[in-house]
Amino acid sequence: MTATTASTAPDPVQAPRDFLLHLYRAAVERALPLHSMAAHLPPPPRGRTLVLGAGKAGGAMAQALEALWPADAPLEGLVVTRYHHIPPRPAGLAQRIEVVEAAHPVPDAAGLAAAQRMLALTEGLTADDLVLCLMSGGASALLTLPADGLTLEDKQRINRELLASGAGIHEMNCVRKHLSRIKGGRLAAACAPAQVLTLTISDVPGDDPSVIGSGPTVPDTTTCADALAILARYGIAVPAVIDTALRSGALETPKSGDARFEGHAVRMIATPQQSLEAAAAAARAAGITPHILSDEIEGESREVGKVHAALARAVAQRGQPFARPCVILSGGETTVTMRRQPEGTPRGRGGRAGEFCLGLAQALQGQPGVFALAADTDGIDGVEDNAGASVRPDTLARAEAAGLKVAAYLDRNDAYGYFDALGDLVMTGPTHTNVNDFRALLVL
């Protein structure tokens, strides 16, 4: 992404959508690993430096490390990222870390093979060696190694059902950790007795490293009993052998105090809050007062959209709780619960950002002076090719004129179809980082 400065900011009154895109780009730029990794790197060790990593930002993190690590110091390893998420290699930058691609959000055989190779690379490490683990959002699906008794097909089904259930990210990752041979601290445990430093880009509310990518390199605070309760809550079945292993505690994850974690460290190189603050600074530089609601907003996307709409309408109509003009920013990770459809209903398309925009547009009721953009900071909303969508005061009117009923599109979770027909999808391509949801409402 190109640099974002006040001098290049579009006029928020004359070009509100472009202005909101400018804020989005500022948020994404703050989360790019090359801008923030250097301050967190240790000196090279006496022994080997092994790099292991996974996530949507994995390719960019590997390139940043290659650029920043001393050229005369050995560096090797393996990182897995999502298909089509390896950034172009800068001219003259030598490749020292292998980067492979796999599927997200539902794991595939390529992710399984990468996880197997990573565990194999940990064999023979010594106390003189350093393992640099590069973790970012998406690692849960990209780094898949099913527990004994569980097949890849089982993991794929469970992942799909979790994604459609409306479960929160903490719940999904609790299950994933307990059904894996590499997540929930198991990767770091396999690295003992080497030093392990995890460099992570947070994509989860609260920035808990044990939740980011299902915490392959940190002790786990959740239990088998927690995983069982979540599976029961959402009606997700597991094979009998796995159910028995969970109930007996045989699939328990390593906990704090385990000697294998001694001397390990985690450094957060980018967070959702930092990206929201970068967007706020860009708004301020353009003369618009920013207000950050929170970087930890969770809940059903459409309902979060309705709450944001109520706030924006209050600002537009009464100047409360904020004065106009202003921009309202928020982040976090909302969820989409897929609605059951009658047989023959066309499949809905879209992700959290699009569904937020549907709920927002419906509740704004064409409120004059309110413009909005919601997009995932990785550039991909769910499994589609858009980052998100935008909303303006005439969104509902234009849709009605085209015969598009917002309630019908919400009923079948088809945000992509709605905003595509209006020309209001936000398309950026992969950004090579990921600090999750970005939402901005401009009230003029």
Protein backbone atom coordinates (compact mmCIF):
# COMPACT_ATOMS: atom_id res chain seq x y z
CA MET A 1 0.00 0.00 0.00
CA THR A 2 1.15 3.51 -0.71
CA ALA A 3 1.88 6.06 1.99
CA THR A 4 -1.13 7.91 3.41
CA THR A 5 -0.59 11.56 4.28
CA ALA A 6 -2.71 14.58 5.11
CA SER A 7 -1.72 16.24 1.82
CA THR A 8 -3.28 13.42 -0.19
CA ALA A 9 -6.51 13.20 1.83
CA PRO A 10 -9.63 13.66 -0.34
CA ASP A 11 -12.03 16.39 0.70
CA PRO A 12 -14.52 14.75 3.10
CA VAL A 13 -17.41 16.94 1.92
CA GLN A 14 -16.78 16.71 -1.82
CA ALA A 15 -15.62 13.06 -1.86
CA PRO A 16 -16.84 11.33 1.31
CA ARG A 17 -16.34 7.77 0.05
CA ASP A 18 -12.80 8.51 -1.07
CA PHE A 19 -12.13 10.14 2.29
CA LEU A 20 -13.32 7.02 4.13
CA LEU A 21 -11.11 4.87 1.88
CA HIS A 22 -8.22 7.16 2.82
CA LEU A 23 -8.86 6.39 6.50
CA TYR A 24 -9.02 2.66 5.76
CA ARG A 25 -5.67 2.83 3.96
CA ALA A 26 -4.13 4.68 6.90
CA ALA A 27 -5.33 1.92 9.23
CA VAL A 28 -3.93 -0.81 6.98
CA GLU A 29 -0.61 0.93 6.48
CA ARG A 30 -0.07 1.13 10.24
CA ALA A 31 -0.41 -2.64 10.44
CA LEU A 32 2.11 -3.50 7.70
CA PRO A 33 4.92 -5.51 9.32
CA LEU A 34 7.85 -3.71 7.69
CA HIS A 35 6.80 -0.50 9.48
CA SER A 36 6.76 -1.99 12.96
CA MET A 37 8.92 -5.12 13.21
CA ALA A 38 12.44 -3.68 13.61
CA ALA A 39 11.95 -2.47 17.19
CA HIS A 40 11.00 -5.99 18.32
CA LEU A 41 13.85 -8.04 16.87
CA PRO A 42 16.53 -9.58 19.13
CA PRO A 43 20.20 -9.98 18.15
CA PRO A 44 21.09 -13.18 16.29
CA PRO A 45 21.72 -16.16 18.60
CA ARG A 46 24.85 -18.31 18.89
CA GLY A 47 23.10 -21.13 17.09
CA ARG A 48 20.51 -21.34 14.35
CA THR A 49 17.64 -18.93 13.72
CA LEU A 50 14.58 -20.87 12.60
CA VAL A 51 11.51 -18.99 11.37
CA LEU A 52 8.07 -20.61 11.63
CA GLY A 53 4.88 -18.75 10.88
CA ALA A 54 1.30 -18.73 9.71
CA GLY A 55 -1.39 -16.21 8.90
CA LYS A 56 -2.74 -13.86 6.28
CA ALA A 57 0.16 -11.50 6.98
CA GLY A 58 2.68 -14.36 6.86
CA GLY A 59 4.20 -13.50 3.49
CA ALA A 60 4.67 -9.83 4.36
CA MET A 61 6.05 -10.69 7.79
CA ALA A 62 8.59 -13.08 6.27
CA GLN A 63 9.75 -10.45 3.77
CA ALA A 64 10.02 -7.82 6.51
CA LEU A 65 12.16 -10.15 8.59
CA GLU A 66 14.38 -10.96 5.62
CA ALA A 67 14.90 -7.24 5.02
CA LEU A 68 15.62 -6.43 8.67
CA TRP A 69 17.69 -9.44 9.79
CA PRO A 70 21.48 -8.98 9.41
CA ALA A 71 22.54 -10.14 5.96
CA ASP A 72 25.49 -12.09 7.39
CA ALA A 73 23.39 -13.90 10.04
CA PRO A 74 21.87 -17.30 9.12
CA LEU A 75 18.11 -17.32 8.66
CA GLU A 76 15.88 -20.19 7.51
CA GLY A 77 12.37 -21.46 7.96
CA LEU A 78 8.85 -22.01 6.69
CA VAL A 79 5.77 -19.77 6.72
CA VAL A 80 2.27 -20.53 5.41
CA THR A 81 -0.14 -17.88 4.21
CA ARG A 82 -3.45 -17.74 2.38
CA TYR A 83 -3.61 -18.38 -1.36
CA HIS A 84 -2.68 -15.22 -3.33
CA HIS A 85 -1.44 -13.43 -0.20
CA ILE A 86 2.30 -13.42 -0.91
CA PRO A 87 3.28 -9.82 -1.73
CA PRO A 88 5.55 -9.01 -4.68
CA ARG A 89 9.19 -9.46 -3.64
CA PRO A 90 11.11 -6.17 -3.45
CA ALA A 91 13.95 -5.93 -5.94
CA GLY A 92 17.22 -7.16 -4.49
CA LEU A 93 15.69 -8.83 -1.43
CA ALA A 94 17.09 -12.33 -1.14
CA GLN A 95 14.65 -15.05 -0.10
CA ARG A 96 15.81 -16.90 3.00
CA ILE A 97 12.44 -18.07 4.32
CA GLU A 98 10.22 -20.45 2.35
CA VAL A 99 6.62 -19.23 2.05
CA VAL A 100 3.86 -21.61 0.98
CA GLU A 101 0.13 -21.10 0.47
CA ALA A 102 -2.95 -22.88 1.79
CA ALA A 103 -6.70 -22.41 2.15
CA HIS A 104 -8.59 -20.08 4.48
CA PRO A 105 -11.07 -20.09 6.22
CA VAL A 106 -11.62 -23.82 5.67
CA PRO A 107 -8.32 -25.77 5.89
CA ASP A 108 -6.99 -27.93 3.09
CA ALA A 109 -4.29 -30.53 2.42
CA ALA A 110 -1.68 -27.83 1.70
CA GLY A 111 -2.12 -26.39 5.19
CA LEU A 112 -1.89 -29.88 6.66
CA ALA A 113 1.37 -30.53 4.81
CA ALA A 114 2.82 -27.20 5.97
CA ALA A 115 1.97 -27.95 9.61
CA GLN A 116 3.58 -31.37 9.38
CA ARG A 117 6.74 -29.84 7.92
CA MET A 118 6.89 -27.20 10.65
CA LEU A 119 6.76 -29.74 13.42
CA ALA A 120 9.50 -31.71 11.67
CA LEU A 121 11.69 -28.58 11.49
CA THR A 122 11.62 -28.28 15.30
CA GLU A 123 13.47 -31.58 15.73
CA GLY A 124 17.04 -31.23 16.98
CA LEU A 125 16.80 -27.65 18.22
CA THR A 126 19.16 -26.72 21.07
CA ALA A 127 19.30 -24.09 23.80
CA ASP A 128 21.62 -22.03 21.57
CA ASP A 129 18.98 -21.76 18.85
CA LEU A 130 16.30 -19.09 18.35
CA VAL A 131 12.86 -19.72 16.88
CA LEU A 132 11.10 -16.64 15.53
CA CYS A 133 7.40 -17.38 15.19
CA LEU A 134 5.48 -15.01 12.90
CA MET A 135 1.78 -15.25 13.76
CA SER A 136 -1.19 -13.35 12.40
CA GLY A 137 -4.91 -13.82 11.91
CA GLY A 138 -5.86 -16.79 9.78
CA ALA A 139 -3.25 -19.10 11.28
CA SER A 140 -5.99 -21.29 12.78
CA ALA A 141 -7.12 -22.49 9.36
CA LEU A 142 -3.76 -22.27 7.61
CA LEU A 143 -1.89 -24.31 10.23
CA THR A 144 -4.04 -27.41 10.51
CA LEU A 145 -2.87 -30.68 12.03
CA PRO A 146 -5.83 -32.70 13.31
CA ALA A 147 -5.66 -34.50 16.63
CA ASP A 148 -5.28 -38.29 16.51
CA GLY A 149 -8.63 -39.78 15.58
CA LEU A 150 -9.67 -36.74 13.54
CA THR A 151 -9.36 -36.55 9.76
CA LEU A 152 -8.84 -33.46 7.63
CA GLU A 153 -12.40 -33.93 6.38
CA ASP A 154 -13.64 -33.87 9.98
CA LYS A 155 -11.72 -30.65 10.63
CA GLN A 156 -13.13 -29.07 7.45
CA ARG A 157 -16.70 -29.92 8.45
CA ILE A 158 -16.25 -28.66 12.01
CA ASN A 159 -14.68 -25.44 10.73
CA ARG A 160 -17.56 -24.85 8.33
CA GLU A 161 -20.11 -25.45 11.05
CA LEU A 162 -18.32 -23.14 13.48
CA LEU A 163 -18.13 -20.39 10.85
CA ALA A 164 -21.87 -20.67 10.14
CA SER A 165 -22.91 -20.99 13.79
CA GLY A 166 -22.39 -17.40 14.93
CA ALA A 167 -19.78 -18.52 17.48
CA GLY A 168 -17.33 -15.83 18.56
CA ILE A 169 -13.64 -16.02 17.69
CA HIS A 170 -12.69 -16.98 21.27
CA GLU A 171 -15.13 -19.89 21.15
CA MET A 172 -14.05 -21.07 17.70
CA ASN A 173 -10.39 -20.98 18.62
CA CYS A 174 -10.94 -22.82 21.89
CA VAL A 175 -12.36 -25.73 19.88
CA ARG A 176 -9.64 -25.51 17.25
CA LYS A 177 -6.88 -25.63 19.89
CA HIS A 178 -8.21 -28.80 21.46
CA LEU A 179 -8.65 -30.59 18.15
CA SER A 180 -5.09 -29.89 16.98
CA ARG A 181 -1.58 -31.28 17.38
CA ILE A 182 0.08 -27.91 16.71
CA LYS A 183 -2.15 -25.14 18.09
CA GLY A 184 -2.79 -24.15 21.70
CA GLY A 185 0.91 -23.90 22.61
CA ARG A 186 1.93 -27.20 21.08
CA LEU A 187 4.21 -25.68 18.42
CA ALA A 188 6.27 -23.80 20.99
CA ALA A 189 6.42 -26.86 23.24
CA ALA A 190 7.89 -28.79 20.32
CA CYS A 191 10.64 -26.16 19.98
CA ALA A 192 12.09 -26.79 23.47
CA PRO A 193 14.82 -26.23 24.55
CA ALA A 194 15.31 -23.41 22.00
CA GLN A 195 14.40 -19.82 22.79
CA VAL A 196 11.09 -18.83 21.19
CA LEU A 197 10.08 -15.27 20.33
CA THR A 198 6.62 -14.80 18.86
CA LEU A 199 6.06 -11.70 16.76
CA THR A 200 2.35 -11.28 16.24
CA ILE A 201 -0.17 -9.07 14.50
CA SER A 202 -3.39 -9.10 16.49
CA ASP A 203 -6.73 -9.67 14.80
CA VAL A 204 -8.76 -10.47 17.92
CA PRO A 205 -10.66 -8.35 20.43
CA GLY A 206 -8.46 -7.89 23.50
CA ASP A 207 -5.20 -8.79 21.69
CA ASP A 208 -4.88 -12.07 23.61
CA PRO A 209 -1.93 -13.94 22.02
CA SER A 210 -3.46 -17.26 23.05
CA VAL A 211 -6.42 -16.50 20.77
CA ILE A 212 -4.54 -15.06 17.77
CA GLY A 213 -4.30 -17.93 15.30
CA SER A 214 -5.34 -20.26 18.14
CA GLY A 215 -2.08 -19.52 19.98
CA PRO A 216 0.35 -22.13 18.58
CA THR A 217 3.23 -20.68 20.60
CA VAL A 218 1.70 -19.62 23.94
CA PRO A 219 0.18 -21.44 26.92
CA ASP A 220 -3.56 -22.02 26.70
CA THR A 221 -6.04 -20.92 29.37
CA THR A 222 -9.01 -22.86 27.98
CA THR A 223 -9.80 -26.50 28.72
CA CYS A 224 -11.24 -29.61 27.14
CA ALA A 225 -14.39 -28.96 29.16
CA ASP A 226 -14.68 -25.51 27.58
CA ALA A 227 -14.36 -27.01 24.11
CA LEU A 228 -17.04 -29.61 24.85
CA ALA A 229 -19.41 -26.93 26.13
CA ILE A 230 -18.94 -24.85 22.97
CA LEU A 231 -19.53 -27.84 20.69
CA ALA A 232 -22.71 -28.66 22.62
CA ARG A 233 -23.87 -25.01 22.58
CA TYR A 234 -23.79 -24.88 18.79
CA GLY A 235 -24.82 -28.48 18.13
CA ILE A 236 -21.57 -29.48 16.42
CA ALA A 237 -20.81 -33.20 16.44
CA VAL A 238 -17.33 -34.72 16.69
CA PRO A 239 -16.30 -38.37 16.19
CA ALA A 240 -16.86 -40.58 19.22
CA VAL A 241 -13.13 -41.10 19.76
CA ILE A 242 -12.63 -37.31 19.94
CA ASP A 243 -15.58 -36.85 22.29
CA THR A 244 -14.06 -39.49 24.59
CA ALA A 245 -10.61 -37.88 24.40
CA LEU A 246 -12.05 -34.47 25.29
CA ARG A 247 -14.02 -35.85 28.21
CA SER A 248 -10.95 -37.69 29.58
CA GLY A 249 -8.69 -34.66 29.16
CA ALA A 250 -6.41 -36.52 26.76
CA LEU A 251 -6.56 -33.56 24.35
CA GLU A 252 -5.66 -30.96 26.97
CA THR A 253 -3.37 -28.16 25.83
CA PRO A 254 -0.10 -27.05 27.54
CA LYS A 255 -0.71 -24.56 30.35
CA SER A 256 1.14 -21.69 31.96
CA GLY A 257 3.95 -22.98 34.16
CA ASP A 258 4.93 -25.72 31.73
CA ALA A 259 8.75 -25.77 31.72
CA ARG A 260 8.79 -25.93 27.93
CA PHE A 261 7.68 -22.28 27.81
CA GLU A 262 10.52 -21.03 30.02
CA GLY A 263 12.24 -17.99 28.52
CA HIS A 264 9.67 -17.58 25.73
CA ALA A 265 8.40 -14.10 24.83
CA VAL A 266 5.60 -12.55 22.78
CA ARG A 267 5.78 -9.13 21.14
CA MET A 268 2.75 -7.49 19.56
CA ILE A 269 3.93 -5.61 16.47
CA ALA A 270 0.52 -4.37 15.27
CA THR A 271 -2.92 -4.16 16.89
CA PRO A 272 -6.43 -3.04 15.92
CA GLN A 273 -6.24 -0.08 18.31
CA GLN A 274 -3.04 1.19 16.69
CA SER A 275 -4.72 1.06 13.28
CA LEU A 276 -7.79 2.91 14.52
CA GLU A 277 -5.52 5.56 16.01
CA ALA A 278 -3.75 5.91 12.64
CA ALA A 279 -7.12 6.42 10.93
CA ALA A 280 -8.08 8.94 13.62
CA ALA A 281 -4.86 10.87 13.01
CA ALA A 282 -5.58 10.94 9.27
CA ALA A 283 -9.09 12.29 9.93
CA ARG A 284 -7.77 14.92 12.32
CA ALA A 285 -5.20 16.03 9.76
CA ALA A 286 -8.06 16.59 7.29
CA GLY A 287 -9.98 18.73 9.77
CA ILE A 288 -12.52 16.10 10.85
CA THR A 289 -12.83 15.22 14.55
CA PRO A 290 -12.50 11.45 15.09
CA HIS A 291 -14.12 9.35 17.82
CA ILE A 292 -12.93 5.78 18.42
CA LEU A 293 -15.73 3.71 19.94
CA SER A 294 -13.72 0.55 20.60
CA ASP A 295 -11.37 -1.94 18.97
CA GLU A 296 -13.17 -4.85 20.67
CA ILE A 297 -16.72 -4.75 19.27
CA GLU A 298 -18.26 -8.19 18.81
CA GLY A 299 -21.78 -9.49 18.11
CA GLU A 300 -23.99 -10.15 15.09
CA SER A 301 -22.77 -7.95 12.24
CA ARG A 302 -26.23 -6.71 11.27
CA GLU A 303 -27.06 -5.81 14.88
CA VAL A 304 -23.76 -3.99 15.33
CA GLY A 305 -24.67 -2.10 12.15
CA LYS A 306 -28.01 -1.06 13.65
CA VAL A 307 -26.32 0.23 16.82
CA HIS A 308 -23.84 2.26 14.77
CA ALA A 309 -26.76 3.64 12.74
CA ALA A 310 -28.58 4.77 15.88
CA LEU A 311 -25.48 6.60 17.05
CA ALA A 312 -24.92 8.25 13.67
CA ARG A 313 -28.55 9.39 13.48
CA ALA A 314 -28.30 10.94 16.94
CA VAL A 315 -25.20 12.84 15.89
CA ALA A 316 -26.77 13.96 12.60
CA GLN A 317 -30.10 15.00 14.09
CA ARG A 318 -29.21 16.30 17.56
CA GLY A 319 -25.44 16.72 17.70
CA GLN A 320 -25.26 14.11 20.47
CA PRO A 321 -23.09 12.58 21.79
CA PHE A 322 -20.69 14.09 19.22
CA ALA A 323 -20.78 17.35 17.30
CA ARG A 324 -20.82 17.41 13.49
CA PRO A 325 -18.73 17.04 11.39
CA CYS A 326 -17.05 13.96 12.81
CA VAL A 327 -16.00 10.45 11.95
CA ILE A 328 -16.90 7.49 14.16
CA LEU A 329 -14.39 4.62 14.09
CA SER A 330 -14.61 1.09 15.45
CA GLY A 331 -12.96 -2.31 15.14
CA GLY A 332 -13.22 -5.81 16.55
CA GLU A 333 -14.61 -9.01 15.10
CA THR A 334 -18.31 -9.39 14.50
CA THR A 335 -20.03 -12.59 13.41
CA VAL A 336 -22.56 -13.69 10.82
CA THR A 337 -25.07 -16.43 11.61
CA MET A 338 -26.17 -18.05 8.36
CA ARG A 339 -29.97 -18.19 8.07
CA ARG A 340 -31.57 -21.40 6.86
CA GLN A 341 -33.15 -20.95 3.44
CA PRO A 342 -35.98 -22.68 1.59
CA GLU A 343 -34.85 -25.21 -0.98
CA GLY A 344 -33.86 -23.54 -4.24
CA THR A 345 -33.01 -20.16 -2.72
CA PRO A 346 -29.88 -18.70 -4.34
CA ARG A 347 -26.85 -18.90 -2.06
CA GLY A 348 -26.08 -15.64 -0.32
CA ARG A 349 -22.58 -14.19 -0.57
CA GLY A 350 -20.68 -11.83 1.67
CA GLY A 351 -18.86 -11.46 4.95
CA ARG A 352 -18.99 -9.54 8.21
CA ALA A 353 -18.29 -6.10 6.75
CA GLY A 354 -20.95 -6.40 4.08
CA GLU A 355 -23.57 -7.66 6.51
CA PHE A 356 -22.71 -4.79 8.88
CA CYS A 357 -23.36 -2.39 6.00
CA LEU A 358 -26.72 -4.04 5.22
CA GLY A 359 -27.87 -3.65 8.83
CA LEU A 360 -26.50 -0.12 8.93
CA ALA A 361 -28.22 0.97 5.71
CA GLN A 362 -31.54 -0.50 6.81
CA ALA A 363 -31.41 1.32 10.15
CA LEU A 364 -30.08 4.63 8.81
CA GLN A 365 -33.24 4.97 6.71
CA GLY A 366 -31.48 7.28 4.26
CA GLN A 367 -30.31 9.69 6.95
CA PRO A 368 -28.87 12.78 5.19
CA GLY A 369 -25.23 13.56 5.83
CA VAL A 370 -24.15 10.06 6.93
CA PHE A 371 -21.63 8.09 4.87
CA ALA A 372 -20.01 4.82 5.95
CA LEU A 373 -17.44 2.23 4.98
CA ALA A 374 -16.78 -1.15 6.54
CA ALA A 375 -13.99 -3.43 5.36
CA ASP A 376 -11.77 -6.20 6.59
CA THR A 377 -8.18 -5.00 6.95
CA ASP A 378 -6.88 -8.08 5.13
CA GLY A 379 -8.73 -6.94 2.01
CA ILE A 380 -11.02 -9.98 1.91
CA ASP A 381 -14.53 -9.95 3.41
CA GLY A 382 -15.22 -13.57 4.28
CA VAL A 383 -14.39 -15.69 1.23
CA GLU A 384 -15.25 -13.14 -1.47
CA ASP A 385 -13.03 -10.86 -3.53
CA ASN A 386 -14.13 -7.61 -1.88
CA ALA A 387 -12.82 -6.01 1.30
CA GLY A 388 -16.23 -4.68 2.30
CA ALA A 389 -18.81 -2.13 1.20
CA SER A 390 -19.84 1.49 1.53
CA VAL A 391 -23.11 3.18 2.42
CA ARG A 392 -24.35 6.67 1.59
CA PRO A 393 -27.61 8.56 2.18
CA ASP A 394 -29.16 7.44 -1.12
CA THR A 395 -28.23 3.74 -0.77
CA LEU A 396 -31.75 2.55 0.09
CA ALA A 397 -33.39 4.77 -2.54
CA ARG A 398 -31.06 3.55 -5.30
CA ALA A 399 -31.65 -0.04 -4.21
CA GLU A 400 -35.43 0.36 -4.18
CA ALA A 401 -35.32 1.89 -7.66
CA ALA A 402 -33.42 -1.20 -8.82
CA GLY A 403 -35.91 -3.54 -7.17
CA LEU A 404 -33.55 -4.56 -4.35
CA LYS A 405 -35.18 -5.06 -0.96
CA VAL A 406 -32.65 -4.77 1.86
CA ALA A 407 -34.66 -7.07 4.15
CA ALA A 408 -34.64 -9.85 1.55
CA TYR A 409 -30.87 -9.61 1.14
CA LEU A 410 -30.40 -9.69 4.91
CA ASP A 411 -32.66 -12.75 5.15
CA ARG A 412 -30.36 -14.73 2.86
CA ASN A 413 -27.05 -13.18 4.03
CA ASP A 414 -26.39 -11.73 0.58
CA ALA A 415 -24.56 -8.48 1.25
CA TYR A 416 -22.28 -9.07 -1.74
CA GLY A 417 -25.19 -9.32 -4.15
CA TYR A 418 -26.83 -6.16 -2.79
CA PHE A 419 -23.79 -3.89 -2.85
CA ASP A 420 -22.42 -5.37 -6.07
CA ALA A 421 -25.64 -4.40 -7.86
CA LEU A 422 -25.26 -0.84 -6.53
CA GLY A 423 -21.57 -0.56 -7.42
CA ASP A 424 -20.75 -0.05 -3.74
CA LEU A 425 -18.40 -2.93 -3.02
CA VAL A 426 -14.97 -1.93 -1.71
CA MET A 427 -12.30 -3.78 -3.69
CA THR A 428 -8.66 -3.57 -2.56
CA GLY A 429 -7.17 -7.01 -3.10
CA PRO A 430 -5.07 -8.64 -0.35
CA THR A 431 -3.39 -6.04 1.88
CA HIS A 432 -0.81 -8.49 3.33
CA THR A 433 -1.75 -7.72 6.92
CA ASN A 434 -4.76 -8.32 9.18
CA VAL A 435 -6.04 -6.44 12.23
CA ASN A 436 -9.64 -7.42 11.50
CA ASP A 437 -12.75 -5.26 11.13
CA PHE A 438 -12.49 -1.58 10.21
CA ARG A 439 -15.58 0.62 10.31
CA ALA A 440 -15.83 4.36 9.70
CA LEU A 441 -18.97 6.55 9.71
CA LEU A 442 -18.64 10.13 8.48
CA VAL A 443 -21.35 12.47 9.76
CA LEU A 444 -21.41 15.85 8.01
